[in-house]
Each structure stands twice: as structure tokens, then as C-alpha cells.
Amino acid sequence: MRPSFIAATFLALASTAVATFDQACPLLYALLPDIHKGKCNCVLGLKTVPLNAGCTAVIKKGILGIPYCQSTCTSHPQPSGHYGKSKRNQPILGPDGTLQRCPSAMTACPIDPPPALNGDRSTATISLNEPYKCVTPSEDLYNCGGCTSTGRGVSCVDIPGVLGTSCTEGKCIIYTCKKGYTLSLNDKGEQKCTRKSPRRV
């Protein structure tokens, strides 16, 4: 399904409710309030699925009285080291017998930014005793393209002016912008939300 079709679908719904791309929903699904049933659902086109495990959402109203969903998720990746001794945090042996921090296709990201970066986080590495979490940079909304704590990735939800977004193939895809912003492209052909210029009277 093309992003342009998805964006058009949710823009059509914007007059009655605000649809947002949220961690409570699977990839590409938007969190949308069902006013008649008084609950929030994850919606993609005409398909509706339940919220992700460990997530809840309540319907709220914005400044203009337009309903939207506010979610809370409690099931996050567990850090390693002294934060816990869960079996899923135990060392993993690779095919060659060496220790691996995370399962295949996942990346180990520090929980907190490394202390001695000197302004260059792109060359930061994780020490053996430093707590970390395993993420999938190709689709992780908060570590898209790499670890945000080391400066190699981007948190799509923290892009200025963004309302609806997802991480696809390690790049942030913007579907909608907040009020007062418009979707555009920068000099590199990357999407961004630009603040609208005030109208002259």
C-alpha cells in the first residue's frame, strides 16, 4: 500500500477525528478514536486491529474539540546489565561462537548517551558494562536508521512539526504535520514539516 494512499485516507478522517501514528499500533497503522464505542483502535485503510500488547489508549479532545487518542505503553525492551537478569538479556552466541549483544537484524543501543563524546556521537561505542536495549533500526520509530543515543539514528516523533510518521527501511516517512506546518521537501529531497508563514493583512 502506497504512503500517498494512506495519507489521503487519514486526511479524509481529520475533519471528525485526529489519526496519529503511535507506538501502541503496528507499523503503518494509525491510532484512531471510535467515538461511538468510546475506545481507540489501530486502523489501516478499512482494516482494524487491537493495540499492541501492554498498550492502552483513551479518547481526549483537542483545543477545537476534535477527538484524538492518547496512548500509554508499559512493555518496552528490557535493558541489560544491572537493570535486570531476564533470560532474554542473557548473552547470545553467534554462528562462529562469539558473543552477540542482540539477535540477528537488531542493534544494541545505549540506554543513555555515552558520557565522553566530545560533540561527536557518531563514533561512540558501547562498553561491556553499559546498559543497552536491542532495537531494529529499519523500523524503530525512536531509533530510525540507528541509535539516537549515539547520534546515528533519528527519533521520527521528535522531528519538528510532525504529527503522523513511521520508520520504513531506516528512514522517517512523514504522513501529516501539526497545525501551522506544511509537508515539504528539503534540498536533499527529504521530507520535513515547514512552519507556515503568517498571512499578511
N, C-alpha and C. Protein backbone atom coordinates (compact mmCIF):
# COMPACT_ATOMS: atom_id res chain seq x y z
N MET A 1 0.86 -1.20 0.00
CA MET A 1 0.00 0.00 0.00
C MET A 1 0.89 1.25 0.00
N ARG A 2 0.63 2.17 -0.89
CA ARG A 2 1.48 3.35 -1.03
C ARG A 2 1.21 4.35 0.10
N PRO A 3 2.30 5.03 0.55
CA PRO A 3 2.13 6.05 1.61
C PRO A 3 1.16 7.14 1.22
N SER A 4 1.10 7.50 -0.10
CA SER A 4 0.21 8.56 -0.53
C SER A 4 -1.25 8.17 -0.32
N PHE A 5 -1.57 6.86 -0.52
CA PHE A 5 -2.94 6.39 -0.28
C PHE A 5 -3.27 6.44 1.20
N ILE A 6 -2.30 6.03 2.03
CA ILE A 6 -2.52 6.04 3.48
C ILE A 6 -2.75 7.46 3.96
N ALA A 7 -1.90 8.39 3.48
CA ALA A 7 -2.04 9.78 3.91
C ALA A 7 -3.39 10.34 3.51
N ALA A 8 -3.84 10.02 2.30
CA ALA A 8 -5.12 10.53 1.83
C ALA A 8 -6.27 9.99 2.67
N THR A 9 -6.14 8.73 3.08
CA THR A 9 -7.20 8.11 3.89
C THR A 9 -7.35 8.83 5.21
N PHE A 10 -6.24 9.11 5.88
CA PHE A 10 -6.31 9.73 7.19
C PHE A 10 -6.60 11.22 7.13
N LEU A 11 -6.23 11.86 6.04
CA LEU A 11 -6.59 13.26 5.88
C LEU A 11 -8.10 13.41 5.71
N ALA A 12 -8.73 12.40 5.10
CA ALA A 12 -10.17 12.44 4.94
C ALA A 12 -10.88 12.28 6.27
N LEU A 13 -10.22 11.59 7.22
CA LEU A 13 -10.81 11.38 8.53
C LEU A 13 -10.55 12.55 9.48
N ALA A 14 -9.66 13.46 9.10
CA ALA A 14 -9.21 14.51 10.01
C ALA A 14 -10.31 15.49 10.40
N SER A 15 -11.38 15.58 9.61
CA SER A 15 -12.45 16.52 9.92
C SER A 15 -13.26 16.10 11.14
N THR A 16 -13.26 14.80 11.45
CA THR A 16 -14.04 14.31 12.59
C THR A 16 -13.17 13.80 13.72
N ALA A 17 -11.95 13.40 13.44
CA ALA A 17 -11.05 12.87 14.46
C ALA A 17 -9.62 12.98 13.96
N VAL A 18 -8.67 12.96 14.89
CA VAL A 18 -7.25 13.04 14.56
C VAL A 18 -6.65 11.65 14.62
N ALA A 19 -6.05 11.20 13.50
CA ALA A 19 -5.38 9.91 13.45
C ALA A 19 -3.89 10.13 13.60
N THR A 20 -3.25 9.41 14.49
CA THR A 20 -1.82 9.57 14.71
C THR A 20 -1.11 8.23 14.61
N PHE A 21 0.13 8.22 14.09
CA PHE A 21 0.94 7.02 14.06
C PHE A 21 1.62 6.92 15.42
N ASP A 22 1.41 5.81 16.10
CA ASP A 22 1.73 5.72 17.52
C ASP A 22 2.40 4.39 17.83
N GLN A 23 3.20 4.37 18.92
CA GLN A 23 3.87 3.14 19.33
C GLN A 23 2.88 2.07 19.79
N ALA A 24 1.63 2.46 20.06
CA ALA A 24 0.63 1.49 20.51
C ALA A 24 0.10 0.64 19.36
N CYS A 25 0.43 1.02 18.12
CA CYS A 25 -0.09 0.30 16.95
C CYS A 25 1.04 -0.33 16.15
N PRO A 26 0.72 -1.39 15.37
CA PRO A 26 1.72 -1.98 14.48
C PRO A 26 2.19 -0.97 13.43
N LEU A 27 3.27 -1.30 12.75
CA LEU A 27 3.85 -0.43 11.73
C LEU A 27 2.82 -0.05 10.67
N LEU A 28 2.73 1.24 10.34
CA LEU A 28 1.85 1.84 9.34
C LEU A 28 0.40 1.97 9.79
N TYR A 29 0.04 1.38 10.93
CA TYR A 29 -1.33 1.55 11.44
C TYR A 29 -1.42 2.85 12.23
N ALA A 30 -2.56 3.51 12.15
CA ALA A 30 -2.78 4.78 12.86
C ALA A 30 -3.73 4.54 14.02
N LEU A 31 -3.48 5.27 15.11
CA LEU A 31 -4.33 5.19 16.29
C LEU A 31 -5.50 6.16 16.11
N LEU A 32 -6.72 5.64 16.07
CA LEU A 32 -7.88 6.44 15.72
C LEU A 32 -9.01 6.21 16.72
N PRO A 33 -9.64 7.27 17.22
CA PRO A 33 -10.73 7.11 18.19
C PRO A 33 -12.03 6.64 17.52
N ASP A 34 -12.71 5.70 18.18
CA ASP A 34 -14.04 5.28 17.78
C ASP A 34 -15.02 5.92 18.76
N ILE A 35 -15.59 7.05 18.36
CA ILE A 35 -16.43 7.84 19.26
C ILE A 35 -17.67 7.07 19.70
N HIS A 36 -18.24 6.28 18.80
CA HIS A 36 -19.48 5.57 19.10
C HIS A 36 -19.26 4.47 20.15
N LYS A 37 -18.10 3.80 20.11
CA LYS A 37 -17.82 2.74 21.06
C LYS A 37 -16.97 3.22 22.23
N GLY A 38 -16.50 4.46 22.16
CA GLY A 38 -15.72 5.03 23.25
C GLY A 38 -14.38 4.38 23.47
N LYS A 39 -13.72 3.94 22.39
CA LYS A 39 -12.39 3.32 22.52
C LYS A 39 -11.52 3.69 21.33
N CYS A 40 -10.24 3.34 21.43
CA CYS A 40 -9.29 3.64 20.37
C CYS A 40 -8.89 2.36 19.65
N ASN A 41 -8.72 2.45 18.34
CA ASN A 41 -8.33 1.30 17.53
C ASN A 41 -7.13 1.64 16.65
N CYS A 42 -6.43 0.60 16.21
CA CYS A 42 -5.35 0.75 15.23
C CYS A 42 -5.95 0.47 13.86
N VAL A 43 -5.86 1.45 12.96
CA VAL A 43 -6.56 1.37 11.68
C VAL A 43 -5.59 1.55 10.52
N LEU A 44 -5.74 0.71 9.50
CA LEU A 44 -5.00 0.86 8.24
C LEU A 44 -6.01 0.65 7.12
N GLY A 45 -6.42 1.75 6.47
CA GLY A 45 -7.46 1.65 5.45
C GLY A 45 -8.78 1.22 6.09
N LEU A 46 -9.31 0.07 5.66
CA LEU A 46 -10.56 -0.48 6.21
C LEU A 46 -10.30 -1.57 7.25
N LYS A 47 -9.01 -1.84 7.53
CA LYS A 47 -8.66 -2.90 8.46
C LYS A 47 -8.41 -2.33 9.86
N THR A 48 -8.98 -2.99 10.88
CA THR A 48 -8.81 -2.57 12.26
C THR A 48 -8.22 -3.71 13.08
N VAL A 49 -7.19 -3.42 13.87
CA VAL A 49 -6.56 -4.43 14.72
C VAL A 49 -6.44 -3.88 16.14
N PRO A 50 -6.29 -4.77 17.14
CA PRO A 50 -6.15 -4.31 18.53
C PRO A 50 -4.83 -3.58 18.75
N LEU A 51 -4.72 -2.88 19.88
CA LEU A 51 -3.49 -2.19 20.25
C LEU A 51 -2.41 -3.22 20.56
N ASN A 52 -1.16 -2.82 20.46
CA ASN A 52 -0.05 -3.69 20.80
C ASN A 52 -0.13 -4.12 22.26
N ALA A 53 0.42 -5.29 22.56
CA ALA A 53 0.40 -5.82 23.92
C ALA A 53 1.08 -4.84 24.89
N GLY A 54 0.44 -4.62 26.04
CA GLY A 54 1.00 -3.72 27.04
C GLY A 54 0.64 -2.27 26.83
N CYS A 55 -0.18 -1.98 25.80
CA CYS A 55 -0.55 -0.60 25.50
C CYS A 55 -2.04 -0.35 25.75
N THR A 56 -2.34 0.83 26.24
CA THR A 56 -3.72 1.27 26.42
C THR A 56 -3.85 2.67 25.82
N ALA A 57 -5.10 3.06 25.51
CA ALA A 57 -5.32 4.39 24.94
C ALA A 57 -6.69 4.91 25.38
N VAL A 58 -6.75 6.21 25.57
CA VAL A 58 -8.01 6.86 25.96
C VAL A 58 -8.30 7.99 24.97
N ILE A 59 -9.59 8.27 24.80
CA ILE A 59 -10.01 9.33 23.88
C ILE A 59 -9.99 10.67 24.61
N LYS A 60 -9.35 11.66 24.00
CA LYS A 60 -9.31 13.01 24.54
C LYS A 60 -9.75 13.99 23.46
N LYS A 61 -9.96 15.23 23.84
CA LYS A 61 -10.37 16.24 22.87
C LYS A 61 -9.35 17.37 22.80
N GLY A 62 -9.07 17.81 21.59
CA GLY A 62 -8.11 18.88 21.39
C GLY A 62 -8.74 20.24 21.62
N ILE A 63 -7.96 21.27 21.27
CA ILE A 63 -8.40 22.65 21.50
C ILE A 63 -9.70 22.95 20.76
N LEU A 64 -9.85 22.41 19.55
CA LEU A 64 -11.04 22.67 18.75
C LEU A 64 -12.14 21.64 19.00
N GLY A 65 -11.96 20.81 20.02
CA GLY A 65 -12.97 19.80 20.33
C GLY A 65 -12.89 18.56 19.48
N ILE A 66 -11.84 18.45 18.64
CA ILE A 66 -11.68 17.27 17.78
C ILE A 66 -11.07 16.14 18.61
N PRO A 67 -11.70 14.97 18.65
CA PRO A 67 -11.20 13.87 19.47
C PRO A 67 -9.91 13.25 18.91
N TYR A 68 -9.07 12.79 19.81
CA TYR A 68 -7.85 12.07 19.44
C TYR A 68 -7.54 11.05 20.54
N CYS A 69 -6.61 10.15 20.27
CA CYS A 69 -6.27 9.11 21.23
C CYS A 69 -4.91 9.39 21.86
N GLN A 70 -4.83 9.19 23.17
CA GLN A 70 -3.56 9.32 23.89
C GLN A 70 -3.21 7.95 24.46
N SER A 71 -2.06 7.42 24.09
CA SER A 71 -1.70 6.05 24.46
C SER A 71 -0.62 6.01 25.55
N THR A 72 -0.58 4.86 26.21
CA THR A 72 0.46 4.56 27.20
C THR A 72 0.88 3.12 27.00
N CYS A 73 2.18 2.89 26.86
CA CYS A 73 2.70 1.52 26.69
C CYS A 73 3.70 1.22 27.80
N THR A 74 3.54 0.05 28.40
CA THR A 74 4.41 -0.33 29.51
C THR A 74 5.43 -1.39 29.13
N SER A 75 5.22 -2.06 27.99
CA SER A 75 6.15 -3.14 27.60
C SER A 75 7.21 -2.59 26.67
N HIS A 76 8.34 -2.23 27.23
CA HIS A 76 9.47 -1.72 26.46
C HIS A 76 10.61 -2.74 26.51
N PRO A 77 11.55 -2.69 25.56
CA PRO A 77 12.68 -3.61 25.63
C PRO A 77 13.42 -3.47 26.95
N GLN A 78 13.75 -4.59 27.57
CA GLN A 78 14.43 -4.58 28.86
C GLN A 78 15.92 -4.33 28.68
N PRO A 79 16.52 -3.40 29.43
CA PRO A 79 17.96 -3.16 29.33
C PRO A 79 18.75 -4.32 29.90
N SER A 80 20.03 -4.37 29.52
CA SER A 80 20.88 -5.44 30.02
C SER A 80 21.63 -4.95 31.25
N GLY A 81 22.60 -5.75 31.71
CA GLY A 81 23.45 -5.35 32.83
C GLY A 81 22.72 -5.40 34.15
N HIS A 82 22.99 -4.40 35.04
CA HIS A 82 22.45 -4.43 36.39
C HIS A 82 20.97 -4.09 36.44
N TYR A 83 20.36 -3.72 35.29
CA TYR A 83 18.95 -3.38 35.30
C TYR A 83 18.05 -4.62 35.38
N GLY A 84 18.57 -5.78 35.08
CA GLY A 84 17.75 -6.98 35.15
C GLY A 84 18.51 -8.20 34.67
N LYS A 85 18.02 -9.37 35.01
CA LYS A 85 18.68 -10.61 34.63
C LYS A 85 17.70 -11.52 33.90
N SER A 86 16.85 -10.94 33.08
CA SER A 86 15.89 -11.72 32.32
C SER A 86 16.64 -12.62 31.34
N LYS A 87 16.03 -13.75 31.01
CA LYS A 87 16.67 -14.68 30.09
C LYS A 87 16.91 -14.04 28.73
N ARG A 88 16.00 -13.15 28.31
CA ARG A 88 16.16 -12.53 27.00
C ARG A 88 17.35 -11.57 26.98
N ASN A 89 17.89 -11.21 28.16
CA ASN A 89 19.05 -10.32 28.23
C ASN A 89 20.36 -11.09 28.39
N GLN A 90 20.29 -12.42 28.42
CA GLN A 90 21.49 -13.21 28.56
C GLN A 90 22.29 -13.15 27.26
N PRO A 91 23.63 -13.35 27.34
CA PRO A 91 24.47 -13.29 26.14
C PRO A 91 24.01 -14.28 25.07
N ILE A 92 24.12 -13.89 23.81
CA ILE A 92 23.72 -14.73 22.68
C ILE A 92 24.97 -15.14 21.92
N LEU A 93 25.09 -16.42 21.61
CA LEU A 93 26.23 -16.91 20.86
C LEU A 93 25.93 -16.86 19.37
N GLY A 94 26.84 -16.27 18.60
CA GLY A 94 26.68 -16.22 17.16
C GLY A 94 27.11 -17.52 16.52
N PRO A 95 26.95 -17.64 15.19
CA PRO A 95 27.32 -18.87 14.47
C PRO A 95 28.79 -19.25 14.65
N ASP A 96 29.64 -18.24 14.84
CA ASP A 96 31.07 -18.53 14.99
C ASP A 96 31.47 -18.72 16.44
N GLY A 97 30.49 -18.72 17.35
CA GLY A 97 30.78 -18.96 18.76
C GLY A 97 31.10 -17.70 19.55
N THR A 98 31.14 -16.54 18.89
CA THR A 98 31.42 -15.30 19.60
C THR A 98 30.13 -14.75 20.22
N LEU A 99 30.30 -13.89 21.25
CA LEU A 99 29.14 -13.32 21.93
C LEU A 99 28.51 -12.20 21.09
N GLN A 100 27.19 -12.20 21.05
CA GLN A 100 26.46 -11.15 20.36
C GLN A 100 25.57 -10.44 21.37
N ARG A 101 25.48 -9.13 21.25
CA ARG A 101 24.65 -8.37 22.19
C ARG A 101 23.16 -8.56 21.91
N CYS A 102 22.77 -8.65 20.65
CA CYS A 102 21.36 -8.71 20.28
C CYS A 102 21.13 -9.79 19.23
N PRO A 103 19.85 -10.20 19.06
CA PRO A 103 19.52 -11.15 18.00
C PRO A 103 19.85 -10.58 16.63
N SER A 104 19.85 -11.43 15.62
CA SER A 104 20.15 -11.02 14.25
C SER A 104 19.21 -9.92 13.79
N ALA A 105 19.73 -8.98 13.02
CA ALA A 105 19.00 -7.83 12.45
C ALA A 105 18.66 -6.77 13.48
N MET A 106 19.11 -6.94 14.73
CA MET A 106 18.86 -5.92 15.76
C MET A 106 20.18 -5.27 16.15
N THR A 107 20.10 -4.06 16.69
CA THR A 107 21.29 -3.29 17.06
C THR A 107 21.23 -2.94 18.54
N ALA A 108 22.38 -2.99 19.21
CA ALA A 108 22.46 -2.62 20.62
C ALA A 108 22.65 -1.11 20.74
N CYS A 109 21.69 -0.45 21.40
CA CYS A 109 21.76 0.99 21.60
C CYS A 109 21.89 1.31 23.08
N PRO A 110 22.80 2.20 23.47
CA PRO A 110 22.92 2.58 24.89
C PRO A 110 21.62 3.18 25.40
N ILE A 111 21.28 2.87 26.65
CA ILE A 111 20.09 3.48 27.26
C ILE A 111 20.28 4.99 27.38
N ASP A 112 21.47 5.40 27.80
CA ASP A 112 21.81 6.82 27.93
C ASP A 112 22.96 7.14 26.99
N PRO A 113 23.06 8.39 26.51
CA PRO A 113 24.18 8.77 25.65
C PRO A 113 25.51 8.53 26.35
N PRO A 114 26.50 7.96 25.66
CA PRO A 114 27.82 7.77 26.25
C PRO A 114 28.38 9.09 26.79
N PRO A 115 29.03 9.08 27.98
CA PRO A 115 29.44 10.33 28.63
C PRO A 115 30.55 11.09 27.92
N ALA A 116 31.51 10.39 27.31
CA ALA A 116 32.66 11.08 26.72
C ALA A 116 32.55 11.09 25.20
N LEU A 117 31.71 11.98 24.67
CA LEU A 117 31.51 12.04 23.24
C LEU A 117 32.24 13.21 22.59
N ASN A 118 32.49 14.26 23.38
CA ASN A 118 33.19 15.45 22.87
C ASN A 118 32.54 16.00 21.60
N GLY A 119 31.21 15.97 21.58
CA GLY A 119 30.49 16.56 20.45
C GLY A 119 30.35 15.67 19.24
N ASP A 120 31.03 14.50 19.22
CA ASP A 120 30.95 13.61 18.07
C ASP A 120 30.39 12.27 18.51
N ARG A 121 29.05 12.14 18.45
CA ARG A 121 28.42 10.93 18.91
C ARG A 121 28.47 9.81 17.87
N SER A 122 28.78 10.14 16.62
CA SER A 122 28.76 9.14 15.57
C SER A 122 29.84 8.08 15.73
N THR A 123 30.90 8.39 16.49
CA THR A 123 31.98 7.43 16.69
C THR A 123 31.89 6.74 18.05
N ALA A 124 30.79 6.96 18.78
CA ALA A 124 30.64 6.38 20.12
C ALA A 124 30.46 4.87 20.05
N THR A 125 30.99 4.18 21.03
CA THR A 125 30.82 2.73 21.14
C THR A 125 30.27 2.40 22.52
N ILE A 126 29.73 1.19 22.68
CA ILE A 126 29.14 0.77 23.94
C ILE A 126 30.14 -0.08 24.71
N SER A 127 30.40 0.28 25.97
CA SER A 127 31.29 -0.52 26.80
C SER A 127 30.55 -1.78 27.24
N LEU A 128 31.31 -2.77 27.68
CA LEU A 128 30.71 -4.06 28.07
C LEU A 128 29.78 -3.94 29.26
N ASN A 129 30.04 -2.97 30.16
CA ASN A 129 29.24 -2.84 31.37
C ASN A 129 28.11 -1.81 31.24
N GLU A 130 27.95 -1.23 30.07
CA GLU A 130 26.94 -0.19 29.88
C GLU A 130 25.59 -0.80 29.52
N PRO A 131 24.50 -0.40 30.22
CA PRO A 131 23.18 -0.93 29.89
C PRO A 131 22.74 -0.50 28.49
N TYR A 132 22.07 -1.41 27.79
CA TYR A 132 21.64 -1.12 26.43
C TYR A 132 20.30 -1.79 26.16
N LYS A 133 19.71 -1.46 25.02
CA LYS A 133 18.48 -2.11 24.56
C LYS A 133 18.67 -2.52 23.11
N CYS A 134 17.96 -3.55 22.70
CA CYS A 134 18.05 -4.05 21.34
C CYS A 134 16.92 -3.44 20.50
N VAL A 135 17.27 -2.83 19.39
CA VAL A 135 16.27 -2.19 18.52
C VAL A 135 16.46 -2.67 17.08
N THR A 136 15.44 -2.44 16.27
CA THR A 136 15.52 -2.74 14.83
C THR A 136 15.52 -1.41 14.08
N PRO A 137 16.70 -0.89 13.72
CA PRO A 137 16.81 0.45 13.13
C PRO A 137 16.02 0.64 11.84
N SER A 138 15.70 -0.45 11.14
CA SER A 138 14.97 -0.31 9.88
C SER A 138 13.51 0.08 10.09
N GLU A 139 12.98 -0.14 11.33
CA GLU A 139 11.56 0.17 11.56
C GLU A 139 11.26 0.76 12.92
N ASP A 140 12.30 0.98 13.76
CA ASP A 140 12.07 1.51 15.10
C ASP A 140 11.78 3.01 15.02
N LEU A 141 10.61 3.41 15.52
CA LEU A 141 10.16 4.80 15.42
C LEU A 141 11.07 5.76 16.18
N TYR A 142 11.71 5.27 17.26
CA TYR A 142 12.52 6.13 18.12
C TYR A 142 14.02 5.98 17.85
N ASN A 143 14.42 5.00 17.04
CA ASN A 143 15.82 4.80 16.66
C ASN A 143 15.87 4.44 15.17
N CYS A 144 15.33 5.31 14.35
CA CYS A 144 15.22 5.05 12.92
C CYS A 144 16.57 5.27 12.23
N GLY A 145 17.09 4.22 11.61
CA GLY A 145 18.37 4.31 10.93
C GLY A 145 19.57 4.06 11.82
N GLY A 146 19.38 3.95 13.13
CA GLY A 146 20.47 3.72 14.08
C GLY A 146 20.08 4.18 15.48
N CYS A 147 21.04 4.20 16.38
CA CYS A 147 20.79 4.59 17.76
C CYS A 147 20.73 6.11 17.90
N THR A 148 19.64 6.63 18.43
CA THR A 148 19.55 8.07 18.64
C THR A 148 20.49 8.51 19.77
N SER A 149 20.76 7.59 20.71
CA SER A 149 21.62 7.95 21.84
C SER A 149 23.07 8.14 21.42
N THR A 150 23.46 7.62 20.26
CA THR A 150 24.83 7.83 19.76
C THR A 150 24.85 8.79 18.57
N GLY A 151 23.68 9.28 18.17
CA GLY A 151 23.64 10.23 17.06
C GLY A 151 23.59 9.60 15.69
N ARG A 152 23.50 8.27 15.63
CA ARG A 152 23.48 7.59 14.33
C ARG A 152 22.07 7.43 13.78
N GLY A 153 21.07 7.61 14.63
CA GLY A 153 19.69 7.45 14.20
C GLY A 153 18.86 8.67 14.53
N VAL A 154 17.57 8.59 14.17
CA VAL A 154 16.65 9.71 14.37
C VAL A 154 15.39 9.20 15.05
N SER A 155 14.86 9.99 15.97
CA SER A 155 13.55 9.72 16.54
C SER A 155 12.51 10.42 15.67
N CYS A 156 11.75 9.64 14.90
CA CYS A 156 10.81 10.24 13.93
C CYS A 156 9.78 11.12 14.62
N VAL A 157 9.38 10.75 15.83
CA VAL A 157 8.33 11.52 16.52
C VAL A 157 8.85 12.85 17.04
N ASP A 158 10.17 13.03 17.08
CA ASP A 158 10.74 14.28 17.58
C ASP A 158 11.09 15.26 16.47
N ILE A 159 10.80 14.91 15.22
CA ILE A 159 11.03 15.84 14.12
C ILE A 159 10.07 17.02 14.27
N PRO A 160 10.57 18.25 14.23
CA PRO A 160 9.70 19.42 14.44
C PRO A 160 8.48 19.44 13.53
N GLY A 161 7.31 19.64 14.13
CA GLY A 161 6.08 19.80 13.38
C GLY A 161 5.41 18.52 12.93
N VAL A 162 6.01 17.36 13.23
CA VAL A 162 5.45 16.09 12.75
C VAL A 162 4.26 15.65 13.60
N LEU A 163 3.21 15.16 12.92
CA LEU A 163 2.04 14.61 13.61
C LEU A 163 1.92 13.11 13.34
N GLY A 164 1.95 12.71 12.08
CA GLY A 164 1.87 11.30 11.71
C GLY A 164 3.14 10.87 10.98
N THR A 165 3.80 9.82 11.49
CA THR A 165 5.07 9.39 10.90
C THR A 165 5.31 7.91 11.13
N SER A 166 6.24 7.34 10.39
CA SER A 166 6.66 5.95 10.60
C SER A 166 8.11 5.83 10.17
N CYS A 167 8.74 4.71 10.56
CA CYS A 167 10.12 4.43 10.15
C CYS A 167 10.08 3.27 9.17
N THR A 168 10.50 3.50 7.94
CA THR A 168 10.49 2.48 6.90
C THR A 168 11.86 2.39 6.25
N GLU A 169 12.45 1.19 6.31
CA GLU A 169 13.78 0.95 5.74
C GLU A 169 14.81 1.94 6.28
N GLY A 170 14.69 2.28 7.57
CA GLY A 170 15.67 3.14 8.21
C GLY A 170 15.50 4.61 7.93
N LYS A 171 14.38 5.01 7.34
CA LYS A 171 14.12 6.42 7.06
C LYS A 171 12.75 6.82 7.60
N CYS A 172 12.67 8.03 8.13
CA CYS A 172 11.40 8.54 8.65
C CYS A 172 10.50 8.95 7.49
N ILE A 173 9.30 8.41 7.48
CA ILE A 173 8.30 8.78 6.48
C ILE A 173 7.25 9.64 7.17
N ILE A 174 7.06 10.86 6.69
CA ILE A 174 6.10 11.78 7.29
C ILE A 174 4.80 11.75 6.49
N TYR A 175 3.69 11.54 7.19
CA TYR A 175 2.38 11.49 6.54
C TYR A 175 1.59 12.79 6.76
N THR A 176 1.64 13.30 7.99
CA THR A 176 0.91 14.53 8.29
C THR A 176 1.75 15.41 9.20
N CYS A 177 1.47 16.71 9.15
CA CYS A 177 2.16 17.68 10.00
C CYS A 177 1.17 18.32 10.98
N LYS A 178 1.69 18.89 12.04
CA LYS A 178 0.85 19.57 13.02
C LYS A 178 0.25 20.84 12.42
N LYS A 179 -0.77 21.36 13.10
CA LYS A 179 -1.41 22.59 12.65
C LYS A 179 -0.38 23.71 12.61
N GLY A 180 -0.37 24.46 11.54
CA GLY A 180 0.59 25.55 11.38
C GLY A 180 1.83 25.13 10.60
N TYR A 181 1.89 23.82 10.22
CA TYR A 181 3.02 23.32 9.44
C TYR A 181 2.50 22.73 8.13
N THR A 182 3.38 22.66 7.13
CA THR A 182 3.03 22.06 5.85
C THR A 182 4.13 21.08 5.44
N LEU A 183 3.75 19.98 4.80
CA LEU A 183 4.70 18.96 4.38
C LEU A 183 5.43 19.41 3.12
N SER A 184 6.77 19.33 3.15
CA SER A 184 7.57 19.76 2.01
C SER A 184 8.84 18.93 1.95
N LEU A 185 9.70 19.24 0.98
CA LEU A 185 10.97 18.56 0.79
C LEU A 185 12.12 19.55 0.96
N ASN A 186 13.24 19.08 1.57
CA ASN A 186 14.40 19.95 1.68
C ASN A 186 15.28 19.82 0.44
N ASP A 187 16.48 20.43 0.48
CA ASP A 187 17.37 20.42 -0.68
C ASP A 187 17.84 19.02 -1.04
N LYS A 188 17.84 18.10 -0.05
CA LYS A 188 18.29 16.73 -0.30
C LYS A 188 17.14 15.81 -0.71
N GLY A 189 15.95 16.37 -0.87
CA GLY A 189 14.81 15.56 -1.24
C GLY A 189 14.18 14.83 -0.07
N GLU A 190 14.53 15.22 1.16
CA GLU A 190 14.00 14.59 2.36
C GLU A 190 12.75 15.34 2.83
N GLN A 191 11.81 14.58 3.38
CA GLN A 191 10.58 15.19 3.88
C GLN A 191 10.83 16.01 5.14
N LYS A 192 10.04 17.06 5.31
CA LYS A 192 10.11 17.87 6.52
C LYS A 192 8.80 18.62 6.68
N CYS A 193 8.51 19.04 7.89
CA CYS A 193 7.34 19.86 8.17
C CYS A 193 7.81 21.30 8.35
N THR A 194 7.37 22.17 7.48
CA THR A 194 7.80 23.57 7.49
C THR A 194 6.69 24.44 8.08
N ARG A 195 7.09 25.32 9.00
CA ARG A 195 6.10 26.22 9.60
C ARG A 195 5.57 27.20 8.54
N LYS A 196 4.25 27.31 8.49
CA LYS A 196 3.64 28.20 7.52
C LYS A 196 3.92 29.65 7.86
N SER A 197 4.16 30.45 6.84
CA SER A 197 4.38 31.89 7.05
C SER A 197 3.06 32.56 7.37
N PRO A 198 3.05 33.49 8.34
CA PRO A 198 1.79 34.18 8.67
C PRO A 198 1.29 35.00 7.50
N ARG A 199 -0.01 34.99 7.32
CA ARG A 199 -0.59 35.76 6.21
C ARG A 199 -0.48 37.26 6.48
N ARG A 200 -0.13 37.98 5.42
CA ARG A 200 -0.05 39.43 5.54
C ARG A 200 -1.43 40.04 5.36
N VAL A 201 -1.75 40.97 6.22
CA VAL A 201 -3.07 41.64 6.16
C VAL A 201 -2.99 42.84 5.24
